Amino acid sequence: MISPEHIQRFERALNSERPLCNLHGLAVALRDEGVSQVDLYMLFSHFQTMAAADDPRYDAIVDNMDLIWGGPLAKGHALYPTILTDEDIRQRSENDLPQA
């Protein structure tokens, strides 16, 4: 489950001087803290939908989403041993995210 603290940590990483690196570090930390693959993906997806495609931080978000999703998108650097499916995502809604 994603908590308001996770959202705050994401915002700090996103707004840092090195969002790609810091978002990756956050993804690894949250995974290691027991956040599920689908919950982590939904956290990143929540911020991806709010970012403009021309915002340089957008790529930092979606590049890390690839690593969370897994499979060929992760190019051997997947954060989880399984690949998410569209069904996994359909079962979850962004409305499940708490408001910061």
N, C-alpha and C. Protein backbone atom coordinates (compact mmCIF):
# COMPACT_ATOMS: atom_id res chain seq x y z
N MET A 1 0.83 -1.18 0.00
CA MET A 1 0.00 0.00 0.00
C MET A 1 0.89 1.25 0.00
N ILE A 2 0.45 2.25 -0.72
CA ILE A 2 1.18 3.51 -0.81
C ILE A 2 0.64 4.45 0.27
N SER A 3 1.55 5.05 0.99
CA SER A 3 1.16 5.95 2.08
C SER A 3 1.46 7.39 1.69
N PRO A 4 0.92 8.34 2.44
CA PRO A 4 1.27 9.75 2.21
C PRO A 4 2.78 9.98 2.31
N GLU A 5 3.45 9.23 3.18
CA GLU A 5 4.91 9.36 3.30
C GLU A 5 5.60 8.97 1.99
N HIS A 6 5.10 7.93 1.33
CA HIS A 6 5.68 7.52 0.04
C HIS A 6 5.54 8.65 -0.99
N ILE A 7 4.38 9.28 -0.98
CA ILE A 7 4.15 10.38 -1.92
C ILE A 7 5.10 11.53 -1.63
N GLN A 8 5.29 11.85 -0.36
CA GLN A 8 6.21 12.93 0.00
C GLN A 8 7.64 12.59 -0.41
N ARG A 9 8.04 11.35 -0.20
CA ARG A 9 9.38 10.93 -0.60
C ARG A 9 9.54 11.01 -2.12
N PHE A 10 8.49 10.63 -2.85
CA PHE A 10 8.53 10.72 -4.30
C PHE A 10 8.71 12.18 -4.73
N GLU A 11 7.93 13.06 -4.16
CA GLU A 11 8.02 14.48 -4.52
C GLU A 11 9.41 15.05 -4.25
N ARG A 12 10.02 14.65 -3.13
CA ARG A 12 11.39 15.12 -2.84
C ARG A 12 12.37 14.61 -3.89
N ALA A 13 12.26 13.34 -4.25
CA ALA A 13 13.17 12.77 -5.25
C ALA A 13 12.94 13.41 -6.61
N LEU A 14 11.69 13.63 -6.97
CA LEU A 14 11.35 14.22 -8.27
C LEU A 14 11.87 15.64 -8.38
N ASN A 15 11.82 16.37 -7.30
CA ASN A 15 12.23 17.78 -7.32
C ASN A 15 13.70 17.99 -6.97
N SER A 16 14.44 16.92 -6.86
CA SER A 16 15.87 17.02 -6.55
C SER A 16 16.66 17.42 -7.80
N GLU A 17 17.94 17.67 -7.62
CA GLU A 17 18.80 18.03 -8.75
C GLU A 17 19.04 16.85 -9.68
N ARG A 18 18.89 15.63 -9.17
CA ARG A 18 19.12 14.42 -9.98
C ARG A 18 17.91 13.50 -9.88
N PRO A 19 16.79 13.89 -10.53
CA PRO A 19 15.56 13.10 -10.35
C PRO A 19 15.68 11.66 -10.86
N LEU A 20 16.38 11.41 -11.95
CA LEU A 20 16.48 10.04 -12.46
C LEU A 20 17.13 9.13 -11.42
N CYS A 21 18.26 9.55 -10.91
CA CYS A 21 19.00 8.78 -9.92
C CYS A 21 18.22 8.66 -8.62
N ASN A 22 17.65 9.76 -8.16
CA ASN A 22 16.95 9.74 -6.87
C ASN A 22 15.63 8.98 -6.93
N LEU A 23 14.94 9.03 -8.08
CA LEU A 23 13.73 8.23 -8.21
C LEU A 23 14.07 6.75 -8.27
N HIS A 24 15.18 6.41 -8.90
CA HIS A 24 15.60 5.01 -8.93
C HIS A 24 15.92 4.54 -7.50
N GLY A 25 16.66 5.36 -6.77
CA GLY A 25 16.98 5.02 -5.39
C GLY A 25 15.72 4.85 -4.55
N LEU A 26 14.74 5.70 -4.78
CA LEU A 26 13.48 5.59 -4.05
C LEU A 26 12.76 4.30 -4.42
N ALA A 27 12.72 3.98 -5.70
CA ALA A 27 12.06 2.75 -6.14
C ALA A 27 12.70 1.53 -5.48
N VAL A 28 14.01 1.49 -5.45
CA VAL A 28 14.72 0.37 -4.82
C VAL A 28 14.42 0.33 -3.32
N ALA A 29 14.45 1.49 -2.68
CA ALA A 29 14.19 1.55 -1.24
C ALA A 29 12.78 1.09 -0.92
N LEU A 30 11.80 1.56 -1.67
CA LEU A 30 10.42 1.17 -1.40
C LEU A 30 10.21 -0.31 -1.66
N ARG A 31 10.82 -0.82 -2.72
CA ARG A 31 10.75 -2.27 -2.98
C ARG A 31 11.31 -3.03 -1.78
N ASP A 32 12.48 -2.59 -1.30
CA ASP A 32 13.13 -3.26 -0.18
C ASP A 32 12.33 -3.13 1.12
N GLU A 33 11.51 -2.09 1.21
CA GLU A 33 10.65 -1.89 2.37
C GLU A 33 9.35 -2.69 2.27
N GLY A 34 9.17 -3.40 1.16
CA GLY A 34 8.01 -4.27 1.01
C GLY A 34 6.86 -3.74 0.18
N VAL A 35 7.06 -2.61 -0.51
CA VAL A 35 6.00 -2.10 -1.37
C VAL A 35 5.88 -3.05 -2.57
N SER A 36 4.66 -3.43 -2.88
CA SER A 36 4.43 -4.36 -3.98
C SER A 36 4.76 -3.72 -5.32
N GLN A 37 4.99 -4.57 -6.29
CA GLN A 37 5.32 -4.11 -7.64
C GLN A 37 4.20 -3.24 -8.21
N VAL A 38 2.97 -3.68 -8.08
CA VAL A 38 1.87 -2.91 -8.64
C VAL A 38 1.67 -1.60 -7.89
N ASP A 39 1.83 -1.60 -6.57
CA ASP A 39 1.71 -0.35 -5.82
C ASP A 39 2.80 0.65 -6.22
N LEU A 40 4.01 0.15 -6.37
CA LEU A 40 5.10 1.03 -6.76
C LEU A 40 4.87 1.59 -8.16
N TYR A 41 4.41 0.74 -9.06
CA TYR A 41 4.11 1.19 -10.42
C TYR A 41 3.01 2.26 -10.39
N MET A 42 1.98 2.05 -9.59
CA MET A 42 0.89 3.01 -9.52
C MET A 42 1.35 4.35 -8.92
N LEU A 43 2.27 4.31 -7.98
CA LEU A 43 2.83 5.56 -7.44
C LEU A 43 3.50 6.34 -8.56
N PHE A 44 4.35 5.69 -9.31
CA PHE A 44 5.04 6.37 -10.41
C PHE A 44 4.05 6.80 -11.48
N SER A 45 3.07 5.97 -11.77
CA SER A 45 2.06 6.30 -12.77
C SER A 45 1.26 7.54 -12.37
N HIS A 46 0.96 7.65 -11.10
CA HIS A 46 0.23 8.81 -10.59
C HIS A 46 0.97 10.11 -10.96
N PHE A 47 2.27 10.13 -10.75
CA PHE A 47 3.05 11.33 -11.05
C PHE A 47 3.31 11.47 -12.55
N GLN A 48 3.37 10.38 -13.25
CA GLN A 48 3.57 10.44 -14.71
C GLN A 48 2.38 11.13 -15.38
N THR A 49 1.17 10.83 -14.91
CA THR A 49 -0.01 11.44 -15.52
C THR A 49 -0.09 12.94 -15.24
N MET A 50 0.57 13.39 -14.19
CA MET A 50 0.54 14.82 -13.85
C MET A 50 1.67 15.61 -14.50
N ALA A 51 2.68 14.91 -15.02
CA ALA A 51 3.85 15.59 -15.60
C ALA A 51 3.62 15.86 -17.08
N ALA A 52 4.05 17.01 -17.52
CA ALA A 52 3.99 17.33 -18.95
C ALA A 52 5.08 16.53 -19.67
N ALA A 53 4.77 16.06 -20.87
CA ALA A 53 5.72 15.24 -21.63
C ALA A 53 7.02 15.99 -21.92
N ASP A 54 6.98 17.31 -21.97
CA ASP A 54 8.21 18.07 -22.24
C ASP A 54 8.96 18.46 -20.97
N ASP A 55 8.44 18.08 -19.82
CA ASP A 55 9.14 18.30 -18.55
C ASP A 55 10.29 17.31 -18.49
N PRO A 56 11.52 17.77 -18.26
CA PRO A 56 12.66 16.85 -18.22
C PRO A 56 12.51 15.75 -17.16
N ARG A 57 11.73 16.00 -16.14
CA ARG A 57 11.52 14.99 -15.11
C ARG A 57 10.60 13.86 -15.58
N TYR A 58 9.85 14.11 -16.64
CA TYR A 58 8.95 13.08 -17.18
C TYR A 58 9.73 11.82 -17.54
N ASP A 59 10.85 11.99 -18.23
CA ASP A 59 11.66 10.83 -18.61
C ASP A 59 12.19 10.10 -17.39
N ALA A 60 12.53 10.83 -16.35
CA ALA A 60 13.02 10.19 -15.12
C ALA A 60 11.94 9.30 -14.52
N ILE A 61 10.70 9.73 -14.61
CA ILE A 61 9.59 8.93 -14.09
C ILE A 61 9.38 7.68 -14.95
N VAL A 62 9.22 7.88 -16.26
CA VAL A 62 8.88 6.73 -17.11
C VAL A 62 10.04 5.74 -17.26
N ASP A 63 11.26 6.23 -17.21
CA ASP A 63 12.41 5.30 -17.27
C ASP A 63 12.39 4.37 -16.06
N ASN A 64 12.05 4.90 -14.90
CA ASN A 64 11.96 4.06 -13.71
C ASN A 64 10.72 3.17 -13.74
N MET A 65 9.65 3.63 -14.36
CA MET A 65 8.47 2.78 -14.51
C MET A 65 8.80 1.53 -15.31
N ASP A 66 9.66 1.67 -16.32
CA ASP A 66 10.09 0.50 -17.10
C ASP A 66 10.78 -0.53 -16.22
N LEU A 67 11.61 -0.06 -15.30
CA LEU A 67 12.32 -0.97 -14.41
C LEU A 67 11.38 -1.65 -13.41
N ILE A 68 10.35 -0.93 -13.03
CA ILE A 68 9.35 -1.50 -12.12
C ILE A 68 8.49 -2.52 -12.87
N TRP A 69 8.11 -2.19 -14.11
CA TRP A 69 7.27 -3.09 -14.92
C TRP A 69 8.00 -4.40 -15.17
N GLY A 70 9.26 -4.31 -15.56
CA GLY A 70 10.07 -5.50 -15.81
C GLY A 70 10.04 -5.95 -17.25
N GLY A 71 10.56 -7.13 -17.50
CA GLY A 71 10.61 -7.68 -18.85
C GLY A 71 11.55 -6.93 -19.74
N PRO A 72 11.31 -6.99 -21.06
CA PRO A 72 12.21 -6.36 -22.02
C PRO A 72 12.37 -4.85 -21.81
N LEU A 73 11.35 -4.21 -21.25
CA LEU A 73 11.43 -2.77 -21.01
C LEU A 73 12.55 -2.42 -20.03
N ALA A 74 12.86 -3.36 -19.14
CA ALA A 74 13.86 -3.10 -18.11
C ALA A 74 15.28 -3.39 -18.58
N LYS A 75 15.42 -4.01 -19.72
CA LYS A 75 16.74 -4.29 -20.31
C LYS A 75 17.70 -4.93 -19.29
N GLY A 76 17.19 -5.95 -18.58
CA GLY A 76 18.03 -6.67 -17.64
C GLY A 76 18.19 -6.03 -16.27
N HIS A 77 17.49 -4.94 -16.01
CA HIS A 77 17.64 -4.24 -14.73
C HIS A 77 16.32 -4.13 -13.97
N ALA A 78 15.44 -5.10 -14.17
CA ALA A 78 14.12 -5.08 -13.53
C ALA A 78 14.27 -5.08 -12.00
N LEU A 79 13.38 -4.37 -11.37
CA LEU A 79 13.40 -4.29 -9.91
C LEU A 79 12.67 -5.46 -9.24
N TYR A 80 11.86 -6.17 -10.00
CA TYR A 80 11.11 -7.30 -9.47
C TYR A 80 11.33 -8.50 -10.40
N PRO A 81 11.19 -9.72 -9.88
CA PRO A 81 11.45 -10.91 -10.69
C PRO A 81 10.34 -11.24 -11.69
N THR A 82 9.17 -10.62 -11.55
CA THR A 82 8.08 -10.90 -12.48
C THR A 82 7.75 -9.65 -13.29
N ILE A 83 7.06 -9.87 -14.38
CA ILE A 83 6.63 -8.78 -15.25
C ILE A 83 5.19 -8.43 -14.90
N LEU A 84 4.91 -7.16 -14.73
CA LEU A 84 3.53 -6.74 -14.51
C LEU A 84 2.71 -7.02 -15.76
N THR A 85 1.44 -7.19 -15.57
CA THR A 85 0.54 -7.37 -16.71
C THR A 85 -0.49 -6.24 -16.70
N ASP A 86 -1.14 -6.06 -17.83
CA ASP A 86 -2.21 -5.08 -17.90
C ASP A 86 -3.31 -5.42 -16.89
N GLU A 87 -3.54 -6.72 -16.68
CA GLU A 87 -4.55 -7.14 -15.71
C GLU A 87 -4.17 -6.70 -14.30
N ASP A 88 -2.89 -6.80 -13.94
CA ASP A 88 -2.44 -6.33 -12.62
C ASP A 88 -2.80 -4.86 -12.44
N ILE A 89 -2.58 -4.08 -13.48
CA ILE A 89 -2.83 -2.64 -13.41
C ILE A 89 -4.33 -2.36 -13.39
N ARG A 90 -5.09 -3.09 -14.19
CA ARG A 90 -6.55 -2.88 -14.22
C ARG A 90 -7.18 -3.12 -12.85
N GLN A 91 -6.62 -4.05 -12.11
CA GLN A 91 -7.18 -4.37 -10.80
C GLN A 91 -6.93 -3.26 -9.79
N ARG A 92 -6.06 -2.36 -10.12
CA ARG A 92 -5.71 -1.27 -9.22
C ARG A 92 -6.16 0.04 -9.85
N SER A 93 -6.54 0.97 -9.08
CA SER A 93 -6.95 2.28 -9.58
C SER A 93 -6.12 3.35 -8.91
N GLU A 94 -5.84 4.40 -9.64
CA GLU A 94 -5.10 5.51 -9.02
C GLU A 94 -5.86 6.11 -7.87
N ASN A 95 -7.16 5.88 -7.83
CA ASN A 95 -7.94 6.39 -6.70
C ASN A 95 -7.55 5.73 -5.40
N ASP A 96 -6.79 4.63 -5.50
CA ASP A 96 -6.31 3.96 -4.29
C ASP A 96 -5.20 4.76 -3.61
N LEU A 97 -4.61 5.72 -4.32
CA LEU A 97 -3.53 6.50 -3.74
C LEU A 97 -4.08 7.51 -2.74
N PRO A 98 -3.47 7.61 -1.57
CA PRO A 98 -3.92 8.63 -0.62
C PRO A 98 -3.52 10.02 -1.13
N GLN A 99 -4.23 10.99 -0.69
CA GLN A 99 -3.92 12.38 -1.06
C GLN A 99 -2.84 12.90 -0.12
N ALA A 100 -1.86 13.58 -0.69
CA ALA A 100 -0.76 14.13 0.13
C ALA A 100 -1.25 15.34 0.92
